[in-house]
Amino acid sequence: MKKVIAPIIITLLVLAVLFFYITALVVTSSQTTDLFSNAILIGTMIIIGIIMLTMVYVLFQRIKEIKEEDKDDLSKY
């Protein structure tokens, strides 16, 4: 169980940083009136959102991998 804690904490920290970055982009996009700048900001937000979803997916894969690893280690003895 201890092996699972580190990936969860790291993922949550990175997700928090990305969330604050998206929040800053939302504030910035609400202050600009230029269409091109808003399009760039919205595109950046979408890319960051995709990265966040991918991180959650990879976290679940890693947890599954760790659980399977424990089962394999027990069968060796």
Protein backbone atom coordinates (compact mmCIF):
# COMPACT_ATOMS: atom_id res chain seq x y z
CA MET A 1 0.00 0.00 0.00
CA LYS A 2 2.91 2.34 0.64
CA LYS A 3 3.96 2.12 -3.00
CA VAL A 4 0.60 3.57 -4.08
CA ILE A 5 0.84 6.71 -1.96
CA ALA A 6 3.74 8.36 -3.83
CA PRO A 7 2.15 8.26 -7.31
CA ILE A 8 -1.12 9.59 -5.88
CA ILE A 9 0.57 12.49 -4.10
CA ILE A 10 2.69 13.42 -7.12
CA THR A 11 -0.33 13.26 -9.43
CA LEU A 12 -2.41 15.43 -7.10
CA LEU A 13 0.36 18.02 -6.83
CA VAL A 14 0.82 18.23 -10.60
CA LEU A 15 -2.96 18.38 -11.13
CA ALA A 16 -3.18 21.24 -8.60
CA VAL A 17 -0.47 23.19 -10.42
CA LEU A 18 -2.17 22.63 -13.78
CA PHE A 19 -5.54 23.62 -12.31
CA PHE A 20 -4.11 26.91 -11.04
CA TYR A 21 -2.53 27.47 -14.44
CA ILE A 22 -5.90 26.96 -16.13
CA THR A 23 -7.48 29.34 -13.61
CA ALA A 24 -4.90 31.98 -14.49
CA LEU A 25 -5.62 31.46 -18.18
CA VAL A 26 -9.36 31.87 -17.58
CA VAL A 27 -8.76 35.15 -15.76
CA THR A 28 -6.45 36.31 -18.54
CA SER A 29 -8.89 35.35 -21.28
CA SER A 30 -11.69 37.26 -19.57
CA GLN A 31 -9.55 40.39 -19.57
CA THR A 32 -8.48 40.29 -23.22
CA THR A 33 -10.75 41.33 -26.05
CA ASP A 34 -8.59 40.16 -28.93
CA LEU A 35 -10.12 37.14 -30.69
CA PHE A 36 -6.76 35.62 -31.64
CA SER A 37 -5.44 35.83 -28.08
CA ASN A 38 -8.60 34.24 -26.70
CA ALA A 39 -8.34 31.43 -29.25
CA ILE A 40 -4.75 30.75 -28.21
CA LEU A 41 -5.72 30.78 -24.52
CA ILE A 42 -8.67 28.45 -25.06
CA GLY A 43 -6.50 26.08 -27.08
CA THR A 44 -3.93 26.06 -24.30
CA MET A 45 -6.65 25.33 -21.73
CA ILE A 46 -7.91 22.40 -23.81
CA ILE A 47 -4.39 20.97 -24.11
CA ILE A 48 -3.83 21.29 -20.36
CA GLY A 49 -7.20 19.62 -19.72
CA ILE A 50 -6.18 16.71 -21.93
CA ILE A 51 -2.89 16.44 -20.04
CA MET A 52 -4.78 16.37 -16.75
CA LEU A 53 -7.09 13.58 -17.94
CA THR A 54 -4.10 11.63 -19.23
CA MET A 55 -2.37 11.95 -15.87
CA VAL A 56 -5.40 10.51 -14.07
CA TYR A 57 -5.54 7.64 -16.57
CA VAL A 58 -1.83 6.90 -16.10
CA LEU A 59 -2.28 7.02 -12.33
CA PHE A 60 -4.96 4.33 -12.49
CA GLN A 61 -2.73 2.24 -14.74
CA ARG A 62 0.17 2.62 -12.28
CA ILE A 63 -1.98 1.62 -9.31
CA LYS A 64 -3.17 -1.45 -11.21
CA GLU A 65 0.43 -2.28 -12.10
CA ILE A 66 1.53 -1.97 -8.47
CA LYS A 67 -1.27 -4.27 -7.28
CA GLU A 68 -0.38 -6.88 -9.91
CA GLU A 69 3.28 -6.58 -8.96
CA ASP A 70 2.48 -7.43 -5.33
CA LYS A 71 0.63 -10.57 -6.42
CA ASP A 72 3.56 -11.68 -8.56
CA ASP A 73 6.02 -11.11 -5.72
CA LEU A 74 3.98 -13.29 -3.37
CA SER A 75 3.83 -16.15 -5.87
CA LYS A 76 7.62 -16.31 -6.08
CA TYR A 77 7.96 -17.51 -2.48
